[in-house]
Amino acid sequence: MGIRKLGHYSIRTGDLEASRRFYTEMLGLREGFRPPFKFPGIWLYDSNDESDFGVVHIIGIDANDPQGLKDYLGDKDEASLFGTGAVDHVAFLATGLEAMRARLLLRAMDFTERTVPSLGLYQVFIADPSGVTIEMNYPHAEAHALGLA
C-alpha cells in the first residue's frame, strides 16, 4: 500500500499566534484536539474528522519554560528555525482560487503563481510566518474562469 495523502507536517515556531492566524485565516484550517504536551502548540485540521490527527502541527517555543519541548522533541537553536531547511515545500490540493487570491491581495502578501505543464494544475506559492513554502494546487478550470490560464 502506497502513501495516499499527507499525514501532517510540523513547524516549530517562536510566534505561535502568527502561525495560528496564517493557517486558520489564510488556508482555512481549523484548530482541533491536541494532546496535553508539556509545551505549547496547535493541531490544525482540514475537516471535522479528528481521527487523522490533523494535517499541520504547530510546535510553540515557551521561552520561559522550554524544558518540556526539549525533553519531548529535543533542543534546536531558535535562529535555525526559519525557512524550509531540507524541506522544499509542502503541497495541498485545493479549491477556491478566487477567494485565496483575494485574501492574499487584501493582506498584501507576496505570492507566486504558475500552471504545471501537462497537468493543468494552477499553483499558488506562499510562505508561512516561519518561512516554509506552501504550494496550493487548484484545478485548471478555476484559473481559466478567472482569466489566469
N, C-alpha and C. Protein backbone atom coordinates (compact mmCIF):
# COMPACT_ATOMS: atom_id res chain seq x y z
N MET A 1 0.85 -1.19 0.00
CA MET A 1 0.00 0.00 0.00
C MET A 1 0.89 1.24 0.00
N GLY A 2 0.68 2.17 -0.91
CA GLY A 2 1.47 3.39 -1.00
C GLY A 2 0.89 4.51 -0.18
N ILE A 3 1.65 5.58 -0.11
CA ILE A 3 1.17 6.77 0.59
C ILE A 3 -0.01 7.34 -0.19
N ARG A 4 -1.11 7.68 0.50
CA ARG A 4 -2.28 8.19 -0.20
C ARG A 4 -2.56 9.66 0.07
N LYS A 5 -1.96 10.23 1.15
CA LYS A 5 -2.12 11.67 1.40
C LYS A 5 -1.09 12.11 2.43
N LEU A 6 -0.88 13.35 2.54
CA LEU A 6 0.00 13.90 3.55
C LEU A 6 -0.64 13.67 4.92
N GLY A 7 0.10 13.07 5.83
CA GLY A 7 -0.42 12.87 7.17
C GLY A 7 -0.45 14.19 7.93
N HIS A 8 0.71 14.75 8.17
CA HIS A 8 0.85 16.10 8.71
C HIS A 8 2.29 16.52 8.55
N TYR A 9 2.52 17.78 8.75
CA TYR A 9 3.89 18.25 8.90
C TYR A 9 3.92 19.17 10.10
N SER A 10 5.07 19.29 10.70
CA SER A 10 5.22 20.09 11.91
C SER A 10 6.13 21.28 11.66
N ILE A 11 5.74 22.38 12.25
CA ILE A 11 6.53 23.61 12.20
C ILE A 11 6.82 24.02 13.64
N ARG A 12 8.08 24.26 13.94
CA ARG A 12 8.47 24.77 15.26
C ARG A 12 8.63 26.27 15.11
N THR A 13 7.96 27.03 15.97
CA THR A 13 7.95 28.49 15.81
C THR A 13 8.06 29.21 17.14
N GLY A 14 8.65 30.38 17.08
CA GLY A 14 8.68 31.28 18.24
C GLY A 14 7.48 32.20 18.28
N ASP A 15 6.65 32.20 17.23
CA ASP A 15 5.47 33.06 17.18
C ASP A 15 4.24 32.21 16.87
N LEU A 16 3.71 31.57 17.90
CA LEU A 16 2.57 30.67 17.76
C LEU A 16 1.34 31.38 17.20
N GLU A 17 1.10 32.61 17.65
CA GLU A 17 -0.10 33.33 17.20
C GLU A 17 -0.04 33.69 15.72
N ALA A 18 1.13 34.08 15.22
CA ALA A 18 1.25 34.39 13.79
C ALA A 18 0.98 33.14 12.96
N SER A 19 1.48 32.01 13.43
CA SER A 19 1.24 30.75 12.71
C SER A 19 -0.23 30.37 12.78
N ARG A 20 -0.85 30.54 13.95
CA ARG A 20 -2.28 30.24 14.10
C ARG A 20 -3.10 31.06 13.09
N ARG A 21 -2.84 32.35 13.06
CA ARG A 21 -3.58 33.22 12.14
C ARG A 21 -3.36 32.81 10.68
N PHE A 22 -2.12 32.54 10.31
CA PHE A 22 -1.82 32.17 8.92
C PHE A 22 -2.60 30.93 8.51
N TYR A 23 -2.50 29.87 9.30
CA TYR A 23 -3.10 28.60 8.90
C TYR A 23 -4.62 28.59 9.00
N THR A 24 -5.19 29.38 9.91
CA THR A 24 -6.65 29.42 10.00
C THR A 24 -7.25 30.45 9.05
N GLU A 25 -6.68 31.65 9.01
CA GLU A 25 -7.25 32.71 8.18
C GLU A 25 -6.88 32.59 6.71
N MET A 26 -5.65 32.19 6.41
CA MET A 26 -5.22 32.12 5.01
C MET A 26 -5.57 30.79 4.36
N LEU A 27 -5.33 29.69 5.06
CA LEU A 27 -5.55 28.38 4.46
C LEU A 27 -6.88 27.76 4.84
N GLY A 28 -7.57 28.33 5.83
CA GLY A 28 -8.89 27.83 6.20
C GLY A 28 -8.88 26.58 7.05
N LEU A 29 -7.73 26.22 7.64
CA LEU A 29 -7.71 25.07 8.54
C LEU A 29 -8.35 25.47 9.86
N ARG A 30 -8.71 24.48 10.66
CA ARG A 30 -9.33 24.78 11.95
C ARG A 30 -8.56 24.08 13.06
N GLU A 31 -8.55 24.75 14.21
CA GLU A 31 -7.92 24.15 15.37
C GLU A 31 -8.76 23.01 15.89
N GLY A 32 -8.09 21.99 16.41
CA GLY A 32 -8.80 20.85 16.96
C GLY A 32 -8.02 20.22 18.10
N PHE A 33 -8.42 19.01 18.44
CA PHE A 33 -7.81 18.29 19.54
C PHE A 33 -6.28 18.23 19.42
N ARG A 34 -5.64 18.42 20.53
CA ARG A 34 -4.18 18.27 20.65
C ARG A 34 -3.91 17.65 22.01
N PRO A 35 -3.09 16.61 22.05
CA PRO A 35 -2.78 16.01 23.35
C PRO A 35 -2.14 17.02 24.29
N PRO A 36 -2.22 16.77 25.57
CA PRO A 36 -1.67 17.71 26.56
C PRO A 36 -0.15 17.59 26.70
N PHE A 37 0.58 17.99 25.69
CA PHE A 37 2.03 18.00 25.75
C PHE A 37 2.50 19.07 26.75
N LYS A 38 3.73 18.97 27.17
CA LYS A 38 4.29 19.93 28.13
C LYS A 38 4.97 21.09 27.42
N PHE A 39 4.41 21.47 26.29
CA PHE A 39 4.87 22.63 25.54
C PHE A 39 3.69 23.13 24.73
N PRO A 40 3.68 24.42 24.38
CA PRO A 40 2.55 24.97 23.63
C PRO A 40 2.51 24.47 22.20
N GLY A 41 1.33 24.50 21.63
CA GLY A 41 1.19 24.09 20.24
C GLY A 41 -0.26 24.09 19.80
N ILE A 42 -0.44 23.80 18.53
CA ILE A 42 -1.75 23.76 17.90
C ILE A 42 -1.76 22.61 16.91
N TRP A 43 -2.85 21.85 16.89
CA TRP A 43 -3.06 20.87 15.82
C TRP A 43 -4.16 21.42 14.94
N LEU A 44 -3.90 21.45 13.64
CA LEU A 44 -4.84 22.01 12.67
C LEU A 44 -5.38 20.92 11.77
N TYR A 45 -6.68 21.03 11.47
CA TYR A 45 -7.41 20.02 10.71
C TYR A 45 -8.03 20.63 9.47
N ASP A 46 -8.19 19.80 8.44
CA ASP A 46 -8.82 20.28 7.21
C ASP A 46 -10.28 19.82 7.11
N SER A 47 -10.78 19.17 8.15
CA SER A 47 -12.18 18.73 8.17
C SER A 47 -12.61 18.64 9.62
N ASN A 48 -13.84 18.17 9.83
CA ASN A 48 -14.32 17.97 11.19
C ASN A 48 -13.92 16.61 11.74
N ASP A 49 -13.26 15.79 10.94
CA ASP A 49 -12.83 14.46 11.34
C ASP A 49 -11.46 14.56 12.01
N GLU A 50 -11.43 14.33 13.31
CA GLU A 50 -10.17 14.44 14.04
C GLU A 50 -9.46 13.09 14.18
N SER A 51 -9.98 12.06 13.52
CA SER A 51 -9.35 10.75 13.62
C SER A 51 -8.03 10.66 12.87
N ASP A 52 -7.75 11.66 12.01
CA ASP A 52 -6.49 11.62 11.26
C ASP A 52 -5.37 12.41 11.94
N PHE A 53 -5.63 12.96 13.11
CA PHE A 53 -4.63 13.64 13.94
C PHE A 53 -4.13 14.95 13.34
N GLY A 54 -4.87 15.54 12.46
CA GLY A 54 -4.51 16.85 11.91
C GLY A 54 -3.58 16.77 10.73
N VAL A 55 -3.49 17.86 9.99
CA VAL A 55 -2.61 17.92 8.82
C VAL A 55 -1.39 18.79 9.07
N VAL A 56 -1.50 19.74 9.99
CA VAL A 56 -0.38 20.59 10.36
C VAL A 56 -0.30 20.66 11.88
N HIS A 57 0.89 20.44 12.41
CA HIS A 57 1.13 20.57 13.84
C HIS A 57 2.08 21.74 14.05
N ILE A 58 1.63 22.73 14.79
CA ILE A 58 2.47 23.88 15.11
C ILE A 58 3.03 23.66 16.51
N ILE A 59 4.33 23.73 16.63
CA ILE A 59 5.03 23.50 17.89
C ILE A 59 5.54 24.84 18.39
N GLY A 60 4.99 25.30 19.50
CA GLY A 60 5.40 26.58 20.06
C GLY A 60 6.59 26.45 20.98
N ILE A 61 7.36 27.50 21.05
CA ILE A 61 8.51 27.55 21.94
C ILE A 61 8.16 28.47 23.10
N ASP A 62 8.14 27.94 24.30
CA ASP A 62 7.89 28.73 25.50
C ASP A 62 9.24 29.18 26.04
N ALA A 63 9.58 30.45 25.77
CA ALA A 63 10.89 30.97 26.18
C ALA A 63 11.07 30.94 27.69
N ASN A 64 9.97 31.00 28.45
CA ASN A 64 10.05 30.99 29.91
C ASN A 64 10.16 29.59 30.49
N ASP A 65 9.77 28.57 29.72
CA ASP A 65 9.84 27.19 30.19
C ASP A 65 10.03 26.25 29.00
N PRO A 66 11.24 26.23 28.41
CA PRO A 66 11.48 25.42 27.22
C PRO A 66 11.74 23.93 27.50
N GLN A 67 11.80 23.53 28.76
CA GLN A 67 12.22 22.17 29.08
C GLN A 67 11.28 21.09 28.56
N GLY A 68 9.96 21.33 28.61
CA GLY A 68 9.01 20.33 28.12
C GLY A 68 9.25 20.00 26.65
N LEU A 69 9.49 21.03 25.85
CA LEU A 69 9.77 20.82 24.43
C LEU A 69 11.11 20.13 24.24
N LYS A 70 12.12 20.56 24.98
CA LYS A 70 13.44 19.94 24.88
C LYS A 70 13.38 18.46 25.23
N ASP A 71 12.62 18.14 26.28
CA ASP A 71 12.50 16.74 26.71
C ASP A 71 11.79 15.89 25.66
N TYR A 72 10.80 16.45 25.01
CA TYR A 72 9.97 15.67 24.09
C TYR A 72 10.56 15.59 22.68
N LEU A 73 11.02 16.72 22.15
CA LEU A 73 11.48 16.76 20.76
C LEU A 73 12.95 17.16 20.60
N GLY A 74 13.60 17.45 21.69
CA GLY A 74 14.99 17.87 21.60
C GLY A 74 15.10 19.37 21.44
N ASP A 75 16.31 19.85 21.60
CA ASP A 75 16.58 21.28 21.55
C ASP A 75 17.03 21.67 20.15
N LYS A 76 16.59 22.81 19.70
CA LYS A 76 17.05 23.38 18.43
C LYS A 76 17.31 24.85 18.64
N ASP A 77 18.35 25.34 18.02
CA ASP A 77 18.65 26.76 18.07
C ASP A 77 17.52 27.51 17.37
N GLU A 78 16.88 28.43 18.08
CA GLU A 78 15.74 29.14 17.50
C GLU A 78 16.12 29.88 16.22
N ALA A 79 17.37 30.32 16.10
CA ALA A 79 17.81 31.02 14.89
C ALA A 79 17.78 30.10 13.67
N SER A 80 17.82 28.79 13.88
CA SER A 80 17.81 27.85 12.75
C SER A 80 16.40 27.51 12.29
N LEU A 81 15.40 28.02 12.96
CA LEU A 81 14.02 27.63 12.68
C LEU A 81 13.34 28.56 11.69
N PHE A 82 14.04 28.93 10.63
CA PHE A 82 13.43 29.76 9.60
C PHE A 82 13.63 29.09 8.25
N GLY A 83 12.64 29.17 7.42
CA GLY A 83 12.74 28.60 6.09
C GLY A 83 12.45 27.12 6.07
N THR A 84 12.54 26.57 4.93
CA THR A 84 12.19 25.18 4.78
C THR A 84 13.32 24.22 5.08
N GLY A 85 14.52 24.72 5.28
CA GLY A 85 15.63 23.82 5.55
C GLY A 85 15.75 22.78 4.46
N ALA A 86 15.73 21.53 4.84
CA ALA A 86 15.84 20.44 3.87
C ALA A 86 14.52 20.18 3.16
N VAL A 87 13.43 20.69 3.68
CA VAL A 87 12.12 20.51 3.04
C VAL A 87 11.92 21.65 2.05
N ASP A 88 11.65 21.30 0.82
CA ASP A 88 11.47 22.34 -0.19
C ASP A 88 10.12 23.03 -0.04
N HIS A 89 9.06 22.26 0.07
CA HIS A 89 7.72 22.83 0.23
C HIS A 89 6.76 21.74 0.70
N VAL A 90 5.60 22.18 1.07
CA VAL A 90 4.50 21.28 1.43
C VAL A 90 3.34 21.66 0.53
N ALA A 91 2.72 20.64 -0.08
CA ALA A 91 1.67 20.92 -1.06
C ALA A 91 0.30 20.44 -0.59
N PHE A 92 -0.71 21.20 -0.97
CA PHE A 92 -2.10 20.84 -0.72
C PHE A 92 -2.87 20.91 -2.03
N LEU A 93 -3.82 20.02 -2.24
CA LEU A 93 -4.80 20.18 -3.31
C LEU A 93 -5.91 21.04 -2.75
N ALA A 94 -6.42 21.97 -3.55
CA ALA A 94 -7.39 22.93 -3.02
C ALA A 94 -8.39 23.35 -4.07
N THR A 95 -9.45 24.00 -3.61
CA THR A 95 -10.40 24.69 -4.47
C THR A 95 -10.59 26.07 -3.87
N GLY A 96 -11.17 26.98 -4.63
CA GLY A 96 -11.40 28.33 -4.12
C GLY A 96 -10.26 29.29 -4.44
N LEU A 97 -9.73 29.19 -5.64
CA LEU A 97 -8.62 30.04 -6.07
C LEU A 97 -8.97 31.52 -5.96
N GLU A 98 -10.14 31.89 -6.40
CA GLU A 98 -10.52 33.31 -6.38
C GLU A 98 -10.50 33.86 -4.96
N ALA A 99 -11.04 33.12 -4.01
CA ALA A 99 -11.06 33.56 -2.61
C ALA A 99 -9.65 33.64 -2.03
N MET A 100 -8.80 32.68 -2.38
CA MET A 100 -7.43 32.70 -1.88
C MET A 100 -6.68 33.92 -2.41
N ARG A 101 -6.81 34.17 -3.71
CA ARG A 101 -6.13 35.32 -4.29
C ARG A 101 -6.62 36.62 -3.65
N ALA A 102 -7.92 36.70 -3.36
CA ALA A 102 -8.48 37.89 -2.72
C ALA A 102 -7.87 38.09 -1.33
N ARG A 103 -7.74 37.00 -0.56
CA ARG A 103 -7.13 37.10 0.78
C ARG A 103 -5.67 37.54 0.69
N LEU A 104 -4.94 36.97 -0.26
CA LEU A 104 -3.53 37.32 -0.42
C LEU A 104 -3.38 38.79 -0.81
N LEU A 105 -4.18 39.25 -1.74
CA LEU A 105 -4.11 40.64 -2.19
C LEU A 105 -4.54 41.59 -1.09
N LEU A 106 -5.58 41.24 -0.35
CA LEU A 106 -6.06 42.08 0.75
C LEU A 106 -4.98 42.28 1.80
N ARG A 107 -4.22 41.24 2.08
CA ARG A 107 -3.18 41.30 3.11
C ARG A 107 -1.81 41.69 2.52
N ALA A 108 -1.77 42.00 1.24
CA ALA A 108 -0.54 42.39 0.55
C ALA A 108 0.58 41.37 0.77
N MET A 109 0.22 40.10 0.72
CA MET A 109 1.21 39.03 0.88
C MET A 109 1.86 38.72 -0.47
N ASP A 110 3.15 38.44 -0.42
CA ASP A 110 3.85 38.02 -1.63
C ASP A 110 3.42 36.61 -2.00
N PHE A 111 3.24 36.38 -3.29
CA PHE A 111 2.93 35.04 -3.76
C PHE A 111 3.35 34.90 -5.21
N THR A 112 3.55 33.66 -5.61
CA THR A 112 3.95 33.34 -6.98
C THR A 112 2.92 32.37 -7.54
N GLU A 113 2.59 32.54 -8.83
CA GLU A 113 1.61 31.68 -9.48
C GLU A 113 2.22 31.06 -10.73
N ARG A 114 1.74 29.85 -11.05
CA ARG A 114 2.14 29.22 -12.31
C ARG A 114 1.22 28.04 -12.60
N THR A 115 1.23 27.62 -13.85
CA THR A 115 0.49 26.44 -14.28
C THR A 115 1.47 25.32 -14.52
N VAL A 116 1.15 24.14 -14.02
CA VAL A 116 2.01 22.97 -14.22
C VAL A 116 1.79 22.45 -15.63
N PRO A 117 2.86 22.39 -16.42
CA PRO A 117 2.71 21.89 -17.80
C PRO A 117 2.15 20.47 -17.82
N SER A 118 1.24 20.23 -18.70
CA SER A 118 0.59 18.94 -18.98
C SER A 118 -0.34 18.46 -17.88
N LEU A 119 -0.28 19.01 -16.68
CA LEU A 119 -1.22 18.60 -15.63
C LEU A 119 -2.41 19.53 -15.52
N GLY A 120 -2.21 20.79 -15.90
CA GLY A 120 -3.31 21.74 -15.81
C GLY A 120 -3.55 22.28 -14.42
N LEU A 121 -2.74 21.87 -13.45
CA LEU A 121 -2.90 22.41 -12.10
C LEU A 121 -2.40 23.85 -12.06
N TYR A 122 -3.14 24.69 -11.39
CA TYR A 122 -2.72 26.07 -11.21
C TYR A 122 -2.17 26.19 -9.80
N GLN A 123 -0.94 26.66 -9.68
CA GLN A 123 -0.28 26.69 -8.38
C GLN A 123 -0.10 28.10 -7.86
N VAL A 124 -0.29 28.22 -6.56
CA VAL A 124 -0.01 29.46 -5.84
C VAL A 124 0.97 29.10 -4.74
N PHE A 125 2.11 29.79 -4.72
CA PHE A 125 3.13 29.57 -3.70
C PHE A 125 3.16 30.75 -2.75
N ILE A 126 3.12 30.46 -1.45
CA ILE A 126 3.20 31.48 -0.41
C ILE A 126 4.12 30.96 0.68
N ALA A 127 4.56 31.85 1.53
CA ALA A 127 5.40 31.44 2.67
C ALA A 127 4.64 31.68 3.96
N ASP A 128 4.73 30.72 4.87
CA ASP A 128 4.09 30.90 6.17
C ASP A 128 4.99 31.77 7.05
N PRO A 129 4.55 32.14 8.26
CA PRO A 129 5.34 33.03 9.10
C PRO A 129 6.73 32.49 9.48
N SER A 130 6.94 31.19 9.38
CA SER A 130 8.25 30.62 9.67
C SER A 130 9.12 30.50 8.42
N GLY A 131 8.62 30.94 7.27
CA GLY A 131 9.37 30.88 6.03
C GLY A 131 9.23 29.58 5.28
N VAL A 132 8.31 28.73 5.69
CA VAL A 132 8.08 27.46 5.00
C VAL A 132 7.25 27.73 3.75
N THR A 133 7.67 27.20 2.62
CA THR A 133 6.95 27.39 1.37
C THR A 133 5.74 26.46 1.32
N ILE A 134 4.58 27.05 1.04
CA ILE A 134 3.33 26.31 0.90
C ILE A 134 2.90 26.39 -0.56
N GLU A 135 2.64 25.23 -1.15
CA GLU A 135 2.17 25.15 -2.54
C GLU A 135 0.70 24.77 -2.53
N MET A 136 -0.14 25.64 -3.06
CA MET A 136 -1.57 25.37 -3.17
C MET A 136 -1.86 25.02 -4.63
N ASN A 137 -2.48 23.87 -4.87
CA ASN A 137 -2.77 23.39 -6.23
C ASN A 137 -4.27 23.46 -6.48
N TYR A 138 -4.64 24.23 -7.51
CA TYR A 138 -6.05 24.44 -7.85
C TYR A 138 -6.35 23.84 -9.22
N PRO A 139 -7.59 23.43 -9.45
CA PRO A 139 -7.99 22.92 -10.77
C PRO A 139 -7.78 24.00 -11.84
N HIS A 140 -7.33 23.58 -12.99
CA HIS A 140 -7.10 24.48 -14.11
C HIS A 140 -8.36 25.27 -14.45
N ALA A 141 -9.51 24.64 -14.35
CA ALA A 141 -10.78 25.31 -14.69
C ALA A 141 -10.99 26.57 -13.86
N GLU A 142 -10.59 26.55 -12.60
CA GLU A 142 -10.77 27.75 -11.75
C GLU A 142 -9.88 28.89 -12.26
N ALA A 143 -8.64 28.58 -12.61
CA ALA A 143 -7.72 29.61 -13.13
C ALA A 143 -8.23 30.13 -14.47
N HIS A 144 -8.71 29.23 -15.31
CA HIS A 144 -9.23 29.62 -16.63
C HIS A 144 -10.42 30.56 -16.49
N ALA A 145 -11.32 30.25 -15.55
CA ALA A 145 -12.51 31.08 -15.33
C ALA A 145 -12.13 32.48 -14.88
N LEU A 146 -10.96 32.61 -14.23
CA LEU A 146 -10.51 33.92 -13.76
C LEU A 146 -9.60 34.60 -14.78
N GLY A 147 -9.39 33.97 -15.93
CA GLY A 147 -8.53 34.54 -16.97
C GLY A 147 -7.04 34.45 -16.62
N LEU A 148 -6.68 33.52 -15.76
CA LEU A 148 -5.28 33.39 -15.35
C LEU A 148 -4.53 32.34 -16.15
N ALA A 149 -5.25 31.46 -16.81
CA ALA A 149 -4.59 30.38 -17.57
C ALA A 149 -5.21 30.24 -18.94
